N, C-alpha and C. Protein backbone atom coordinates (compact mmCIF):
# COMPACT_ATOMS: atom_id res chain seq x y z
N MET A 1 61.82 77.66 179.62
CA MET A 1 60.75 77.76 178.70
C MET A 1 61.38 77.80 176.86
N TYR A 2 60.65 77.29 176.17
CA TYR A 2 61.25 76.69 174.99
C TYR A 2 60.94 77.52 173.68
N ASN A 3 61.89 78.12 172.88
CA ASN A 3 61.59 78.87 171.91
C ASN A 3 60.39 78.11 170.80
N LEU A 4 59.06 79.02 170.99
CA LEU A 4 58.12 78.52 170.30
C LEU A 4 58.58 78.01 169.05
N SER A 5 58.79 78.92 168.09
CA SER A 5 59.08 78.41 166.79
C SER A 5 59.85 77.06 166.35
N GLU A 6 60.36 76.90 167.30
CA GLU A 6 61.26 75.56 167.64
C GLU A 6 60.75 74.12 167.98
N THR A 7 59.47 74.63 168.79
CA THR A 7 58.98 73.60 169.30
C THR A 7 58.17 72.19 167.91
N SER A 8 58.43 71.11 168.55
CA SER A 8 58.13 70.26 167.38
C SER A 8 57.57 68.79 168.54
N GLY A 9 56.43 68.47 167.77
CA GLY A 9 55.39 67.34 168.30
C GLY A 9 54.73 66.67 167.19
N ARG A 10 53.88 65.87 167.83
CA ARG A 10 52.85 65.17 167.18
C ARG A 10 51.57 65.72 167.15
N ILE A 11 50.77 65.70 165.62
CA ILE A 11 49.19 65.97 165.40
C ILE A 11 48.48 64.77 165.05
N GLY A 12 47.70 64.73 165.73
CA GLY A 12 46.94 63.21 165.80
C GLY A 12 45.55 63.14 165.69
N LEU A 13 44.46 62.36 165.19
CA LEU A 13 43.04 61.94 164.99
C LEU A 13 42.92 61.25 165.67
N LEU A 14 42.09 61.28 166.61
CA LEU A 14 41.41 60.41 167.97
C LEU A 14 40.13 59.65 167.02
N LEU A 15 40.45 58.02 166.70
CA LEU A 15 39.13 57.58 166.16
C LEU A 15 38.41 56.73 166.69
N SER A 16 36.92 56.78 165.96
CA SER A 16 35.80 56.09 166.60
C SER A 16 36.41 54.74 167.42
N THR A 17 37.10 54.16 167.28
CA THR A 17 37.84 52.98 167.79
C THR A 17 39.07 53.14 169.13
N GLU A 18 39.07 54.57 169.35
CA GLU A 18 39.97 54.95 170.31
C GLU A 18 41.26 54.89 170.04
N ALA A 19 41.71 54.38 168.80
CA ALA A 19 42.96 54.57 168.33
C ALA A 19 43.26 55.92 167.48
N VAL A 20 44.65 55.93 167.54
CA VAL A 20 45.09 57.35 166.79
C VAL A 20 46.25 57.26 165.49
N ILE A 21 45.51 58.20 164.66
CA ILE A 21 46.36 57.88 163.76
C ILE A 21 47.31 59.44 164.08
N SER A 22 48.43 59.54 163.60
CA SER A 22 49.19 60.56 164.01
C SER A 22 50.74 60.82 162.66
N CYS A 23 50.77 62.26 163.07
CA CYS A 23 52.27 62.50 162.10
C CYS A 23 52.72 63.73 162.89
N PHE A 24 54.16 63.43 162.50
CA PHE A 24 55.12 64.10 163.69
C PHE A 24 55.09 65.80 162.63
N CYS A 25 54.96 66.98 163.67
CA CYS A 25 55.45 68.08 162.88
C CYS A 25 56.58 68.63 163.22
N TYR A 26 57.37 69.18 162.91
CA TYR A 26 58.98 69.67 162.96
C TYR A 26 58.80 71.08 163.56
N HIS A 27 57.73 71.94 163.09
CA HIS A 27 57.93 73.25 163.38
C HIS A 27 57.21 74.04 163.73
N ASN A 28 57.23 75.10 164.74
CA ASN A 28 55.93 75.94 165.51
C ASN A 28 54.73 75.11 166.09
N ASN A 29 55.22 73.97 166.39
CA ASN A 29 53.81 72.98 167.05
C ASN A 29 53.45 73.47 168.32
N ASN A 30 52.97 74.47 168.50
CA ASN A 30 52.80 74.79 170.01
C ASN A 30 51.28 75.48 169.76
N PRO A 31 50.98 75.73 170.98
CA PRO A 31 49.27 76.20 170.57
C PRO A 31 49.05 77.36 170.62
N ILE A 32 49.92 78.62 170.27
CA ILE A 32 49.87 79.56 170.04
C ILE A 32 50.12 79.66 168.44
N HIS A 33 50.87 78.58 167.96
CA HIS A 33 50.87 79.07 166.29
C HIS A 33 50.24 78.14 165.59
N ASN A 34 50.75 76.57 165.58
CA ASN A 34 50.09 75.42 164.94
C ASN A 34 48.24 75.18 165.75
N GLY A 35 48.60 75.56 166.77
CA GLY A 35 47.27 74.97 167.56
C GLY A 35 45.60 75.97 166.81
N ILE A 36 46.50 77.09 166.65
CA ILE A 36 45.31 78.12 166.24
C ILE A 36 45.32 77.66 164.23
N ILE A 37 46.12 77.24 163.61
CA ILE A 37 46.14 76.84 162.23
C ILE A 37 45.00 75.83 161.99
N LEU A 38 45.22 74.78 163.04
CA LEU A 38 44.47 73.44 163.38
C LEU A 38 42.79 74.13 163.48
N ARG A 39 42.83 74.36 164.46
CA ARG A 39 41.51 75.25 164.62
C ARG A 39 41.14 75.96 163.76
N ASP A 40 41.74 76.57 162.71
CA ASP A 40 41.02 77.09 162.16
C ASP A 40 40.92 77.07 160.81
N HIS A 41 41.51 75.73 160.25
CA HIS A 41 41.61 75.62 158.89
C HIS A 41 41.33 73.99 158.72
N TYR A 42 41.79 73.12 159.74
CA TYR A 42 41.36 71.40 159.88
C TYR A 42 40.46 71.26 160.66
N GLY A 43 39.25 71.58 160.73
CA GLY A 43 38.30 71.33 162.05
C GLY A 43 36.91 70.32 161.82
N SER A 44 37.54 69.52 160.85
CA SER A 44 36.74 68.31 160.72
C SER A 44 37.41 67.60 160.80
N GLU A 45 36.54 66.26 160.89
CA GLU A 45 37.48 64.61 161.03
C GLU A 45 38.17 64.66 159.54
N ASP A 46 37.65 64.55 158.56
CA ASP A 46 38.07 64.72 156.84
C ASP A 46 39.13 65.56 157.02
N ALA A 47 39.10 66.80 157.16
CA ALA A 47 40.51 67.85 157.21
C ALA A 47 41.65 67.26 157.96
N ALA A 48 41.59 66.61 159.21
CA ALA A 48 41.93 66.32 160.26
C ALA A 48 42.72 64.80 159.36
N TRP A 49 42.41 63.98 159.02
CA TRP A 49 42.26 62.66 158.70
C TRP A 49 43.61 63.19 157.17
N ASN A 50 43.06 64.08 156.40
CA ASN A 50 43.46 64.37 155.12
C ASN A 50 45.24 64.93 155.43
N LEU A 51 45.35 65.93 156.31
CA LEU A 51 46.34 66.58 157.01
C LEU A 51 47.55 65.52 157.16
N ILE A 52 47.10 64.62 158.23
CA ILE A 52 47.76 63.63 158.76
C ILE A 52 48.36 62.53 157.86
N HIS A 53 47.28 62.00 156.97
CA HIS A 53 47.52 60.68 156.31
C HIS A 53 48.96 60.59 155.51
N PRO A 54 48.88 61.80 154.78
CA PRO A 54 50.54 61.76 154.23
C PRO A 54 51.57 61.65 154.96
N GLY A 55 51.85 61.59 155.78
CA GLY A 55 52.68 61.57 156.96
C GLY A 55 53.22 62.77 157.84
N ASP A 56 54.98 62.67 158.01
CA ASP A 56 55.28 63.64 158.70
C ASP A 56 55.67 65.08 158.02
N ILE A 57 55.44 66.34 158.58
CA ILE A 57 55.31 67.54 158.32
C ILE A 57 56.52 68.23 158.74
N ARG A 58 57.02 68.98 157.54
CA ARG A 58 57.90 70.09 157.88
C ARG A 58 57.49 71.25 159.00
N GLN A 59 56.54 71.78 158.18
CA GLN A 59 55.86 72.92 158.52
C GLN A 59 54.41 73.11 158.03
N LEU A 60 53.55 73.35 159.04
CA LEU A 60 51.94 73.77 158.81
C LEU A 60 51.74 74.64 157.58
N ASN A 61 52.48 75.71 157.96
CA ASN A 61 51.74 76.77 156.82
C ASN A 61 52.91 77.27 156.25
N ALA A 62 53.88 76.46 155.24
CA ALA A 62 54.97 76.62 154.51
C ALA A 62 54.72 77.34 153.61
N ILE A 63 55.32 78.53 153.06
CA ILE A 63 55.21 79.52 152.16
C ILE A 63 56.02 79.41 151.03
N VAL A 64 57.19 78.16 151.66
CA VAL A 64 58.29 78.07 150.63
C VAL A 64 58.59 76.63 150.48
N GLY A 65 58.82 76.07 149.20
CA GLY A 65 58.67 74.67 149.40
C GLY A 65 60.49 74.25 149.65
N TRP A 66 60.97 72.89 149.61
CA TRP A 66 62.16 72.06 149.81
C TRP A 66 63.13 73.01 149.20
N ASP A 67 63.02 73.84 147.96
CA ASP A 67 64.59 74.22 147.15
C ASP A 67 64.06 75.77 147.23
N GLU A 68 63.33 76.19 148.29
CA GLU A 68 63.18 77.79 148.99
C GLU A 68 62.36 78.42 147.61
N GLU A 69 61.88 77.80 146.24
CA GLU A 69 60.97 77.99 145.80
C GLU A 69 59.38 78.39 146.67
N PRO A 70 58.54 79.82 146.03
CA PRO A 70 57.55 80.06 146.56
C PRO A 70 56.96 79.40 145.99
N LEU A 71 55.98 79.30 147.02
CA LEU A 71 54.36 78.34 146.95
C LEU A 71 53.37 79.24 146.93
N ASP A 72 52.38 78.48 145.85
CA ASP A 72 51.26 79.41 145.40
C ASP A 72 50.18 79.70 146.49
N VAL A 73 50.10 78.88 147.23
CA VAL A 73 49.25 78.95 148.37
C VAL A 73 49.49 78.51 149.50
N ALA A 74 49.64 78.65 150.96
CA ALA A 74 50.77 78.37 152.16
C ALA A 74 50.02 76.88 152.62
N GLY A 75 50.60 75.91 152.59
CA GLY A 75 50.29 74.97 153.34
C GLY A 75 50.79 73.88 154.06
N PRO A 76 50.64 72.82 153.99
CA PRO A 76 51.54 72.00 154.81
C PRO A 76 52.72 71.20 153.93
N LEU A 77 53.80 71.36 154.58
CA LEU A 77 55.56 71.44 153.64
C LEU A 77 55.52 69.57 153.92
N TYR A 78 55.40 68.09 153.52
CA TYR A 78 55.65 67.07 153.88
C TYR A 78 56.87 66.73 153.78
N PHE A 79 57.47 66.27 154.41
CA PHE A 79 58.56 65.35 154.24
C PHE A 79 58.81 64.33 152.97
N ARG A 80 57.68 63.58 152.57
CA ARG A 80 57.51 62.66 151.62
C ARG A 80 57.71 63.84 150.50
N ASP A 81 57.37 64.42 149.96
CA ASP A 81 57.76 65.66 149.17
C ASP A 81 59.00 65.70 148.76
N ARG A 82 59.86 65.61 149.78
CA ARG A 82 61.53 65.96 149.85
C ARG A 82 61.99 64.26 149.62
N GLY A 83 61.21 63.35 149.12
CA GLY A 83 61.63 62.20 148.81
C GLY A 83 62.04 61.20 150.53
N ASP A 84 61.35 61.71 151.59
CA ASP A 84 61.77 61.10 152.68
C ASP A 84 60.88 59.99 152.78
N ARG A 85 61.15 58.77 152.74
CA ARG A 85 60.32 57.23 152.57
C ARG A 85 60.13 56.80 153.98
N ASP A 86 60.58 57.22 154.89
CA ASP A 86 60.44 56.73 156.44
C ASP A 86 59.37 57.88 157.38
N ALA A 87 58.57 58.71 156.61
CA ALA A 87 57.94 60.00 157.39
C ALA A 87 56.63 59.68 157.39
N THR A 88 55.85 58.32 157.48
CA THR A 88 54.75 58.12 157.24
C THR A 88 53.94 58.43 158.36
N HIS A 89 52.42 58.20 158.53
CA HIS A 89 51.77 58.15 159.54
C HIS A 89 52.02 56.97 160.37
N ILE A 90 51.53 57.24 161.68
CA ILE A 90 51.59 56.11 162.48
C ILE A 90 50.41 55.93 163.64
N PHE A 91 49.75 54.41 163.42
CA PHE A 91 48.69 54.40 164.38
C PHE A 91 49.34 54.00 165.68
N SER A 92 48.62 54.55 166.75
CA SER A 92 48.68 53.88 168.31
C SER A 92 47.42 53.40 168.43
N LEU A 93 47.18 53.05 169.58
CA LEU A 93 46.12 51.68 169.84
C LEU A 93 44.82 52.58 170.90
N ASN A 94 45.31 53.72 171.17
CA ASN A 94 44.96 54.64 172.16
C ASN A 94 45.74 55.80 172.66
N LYS A 95 45.18 56.55 173.54
CA LYS A 95 45.48 57.85 173.63
C LYS A 95 46.92 57.86 174.58
N SER A 96 46.71 56.62 175.60
CA SER A 96 48.01 56.28 176.23
C SER A 96 49.30 56.11 175.14
N GLU A 97 48.85 55.19 174.31
CA GLU A 97 49.86 54.70 173.52
C GLU A 97 50.79 56.05 172.69
N TYR A 98 49.94 56.82 171.95
CA TYR A 98 50.03 58.19 171.43
C TYR A 98 50.86 58.83 172.38
N PHE A 99 50.38 59.14 173.37
CA PHE A 99 51.35 60.09 174.81
C PHE A 99 52.63 59.71 174.55
N GLU A 100 52.92 58.46 174.59
CA GLU A 100 53.92 57.47 174.71
C GLU A 100 54.72 57.98 173.50
N LEU A 101 54.21 57.81 172.40
CA LEU A 101 54.88 58.03 171.39
C LEU A 101 55.43 59.13 171.14
N SER A 102 54.64 60.12 171.48
CA SER A 102 54.96 61.58 171.74
C SER A 102 55.96 61.91 172.35
N LYS A 103 55.97 61.43 173.66
CA LYS A 103 57.44 61.56 174.48
C LYS A 103 58.69 60.82 173.70
N GLU A 104 58.53 59.79 173.22
CA GLU A 104 59.63 59.07 172.65
C GLU A 104 60.02 59.94 171.46
N THR A 105 59.29 60.70 170.78
CA THR A 105 59.73 61.28 169.75
C THR A 105 60.13 63.03 170.02
N SER A 106 60.51 63.01 171.48
CA SER A 106 60.68 64.41 172.23
C SER A 106 59.42 65.41 171.86
N SER A 107 58.19 65.53 171.54
CA SER A 107 57.64 66.36 171.20
C SER A 107 57.54 67.10 172.90
N ILE A 108 57.20 68.85 172.15
CA ILE A 108 57.04 69.43 173.30
C ILE A 108 55.06 69.71 173.45
N TYR A 109 54.80 69.55 172.66
CA TYR A 109 53.26 69.92 172.65
C TYR A 109 52.54 68.46 171.47
N SER A 110 51.35 68.06 171.86
CA SER A 110 51.17 67.42 170.74
C SER A 110 49.55 67.44 170.68
N PHE A 111 48.94 67.68 169.73
CA PHE A 111 47.58 67.59 169.07
C PHE A 111 46.92 66.60 169.09
N LEU A 112 45.59 66.76 169.42
CA LEU A 112 44.75 65.51 169.07
C LEU A 112 43.16 66.13 168.55
N PHE A 113 43.03 65.63 167.64
CA PHE A 113 41.26 66.12 166.75
C PHE A 113 40.76 64.85 167.62
N ASN A 114 39.53 65.72 168.09
CA ASN A 114 38.81 64.36 169.15
C ASN A 114 37.24 64.54 168.06
N SER A 115 36.91 63.37 167.68
CA SER A 115 36.49 63.91 166.22
C SER A 115 34.77 63.63 167.22
N LYS A 116 34.56 63.05 168.35
CA LYS A 116 33.40 62.98 169.06
C LYS A 116 32.89 64.53 169.65
N LYS A 117 33.87 65.37 170.08
CA LYS A 117 33.72 66.37 170.37
C LYS A 117 33.71 67.58 169.14
N MET A 118 34.39 67.02 168.12
CA MET A 118 35.05 67.67 167.13
C MET A 118 35.73 69.10 167.45
N VAL A 119 36.77 68.89 168.13
CA VAL A 119 37.51 70.05 168.36
C VAL A 119 38.66 69.14 168.79
N TRP A 120 39.80 70.41 168.51
CA TRP A 120 41.52 70.03 168.72
C TRP A 120 41.97 70.07 170.15
N GLU A 121 42.23 69.60 170.48
CA GLU A 121 43.18 69.41 171.75
C GLU A 121 44.42 69.76 171.77
N CYS A 122 45.08 70.44 172.50
CA CYS A 122 46.57 70.52 172.87
C CYS A 122 46.98 69.83 173.96
N TYR A 123 47.84 68.78 174.27
CA TYR A 123 48.91 68.64 175.72
C TYR A 123 50.16 68.44 175.71
N SER A 124 50.45 68.68 177.02
CA SER A 124 51.94 69.32 177.20
C SER A 124 52.44 67.86 177.50
N ILE A 125 53.68 67.50 176.82
CA ILE A 125 54.45 66.43 176.82
C ILE A 125 55.59 66.80 177.42
N ALA A 126 56.47 67.95 177.14
CA ALA A 126 57.56 67.84 178.15
C ALA A 126 57.51 68.57 179.34
N GLU A 127 56.58 69.07 179.58
CA GLU A 127 56.23 69.68 180.89
C GLU A 127 54.73 69.52 181.21
N ASN A 128 54.51 69.05 182.70
CA ASN A 128 52.88 68.85 183.07
C ASN A 128 52.32 67.60 182.04
N TYR A 129 53.12 66.11 181.65
CA TYR A 129 53.11 65.24 180.94
C TYR A 129 51.44 64.62 180.81
N GLY A 130 50.99 64.95 179.80
CA GLY A 130 49.52 64.50 179.29
C GLY A 130 48.35 65.62 179.98
N ASN A 131 49.00 66.45 180.36
CA ASN A 131 47.91 67.59 180.60
C ASN A 131 47.69 68.59 179.21
N GLU A 132 45.96 69.05 179.51
CA GLU A 132 45.83 69.44 178.24
C GLU A 132 46.45 71.20 178.47
N VAL A 133 46.49 72.03 177.50
CA VAL A 133 46.48 73.30 177.43
C VAL A 133 46.05 73.89 176.44
N LYS A 134 45.30 74.95 176.81
CA LYS A 134 43.93 75.76 175.61
C LYS A 134 45.03 76.13 174.72
N ILE A 135 44.15 75.85 173.77
CA ILE A 135 44.88 76.67 172.35
C ILE A 135 44.36 78.37 172.54
N SER A 136 44.89 79.26 172.40
CA SER A 136 44.73 80.55 172.67
C SER A 136 45.65 81.51 171.56
N GLU A 137 44.89 82.69 171.44
CA GLU A 137 45.80 83.48 170.58
C GLU A 137 47.12 84.08 171.36
N PRO A 138 48.06 84.51 170.55
CA PRO A 138 49.24 84.82 171.19
C PRO A 138 48.93 86.38 171.82
C-alpha cells in the first residue's frame, strides 16, 4: 500500500475528439483526497480545463505558497509559479496514450474528467493497470 499523501499522478480532461489534455500532480493524487476535491470543485469541462491548462501542480489545495507564505484562498500551487518552464500541460491522442503517459510518469492514480458524462473518473495505474477506482469519502 502507498502513503496516500505521497501519491502522484496525472489529472486529465477527455476532449470531444477523444484526445486528452493533462498535467502532473505531485501531492495527494488519490481517490480519497484529490478525487473528492476534483469532484466537488472542478465539476465542469471549463473548470477542468482551467485547472489543467496552466500545467503541472504541486498540490491541488495548497494553503501556503512556494516561500511558505500563507495564501488567501486554498487552491492549486503550480510549478510555473516557481519559475519551472517545462511543467506544461501535455496532449495525448487518446485514453490509451494518456494511460501510458501516466505510467511513464510513475503515477499511482490518474484522474480523467469525462466531458460526455460530466464526471471525474479515477484509474489505478500502479496496481490493476487501467482499472477504474471509485472516488469516495475517506
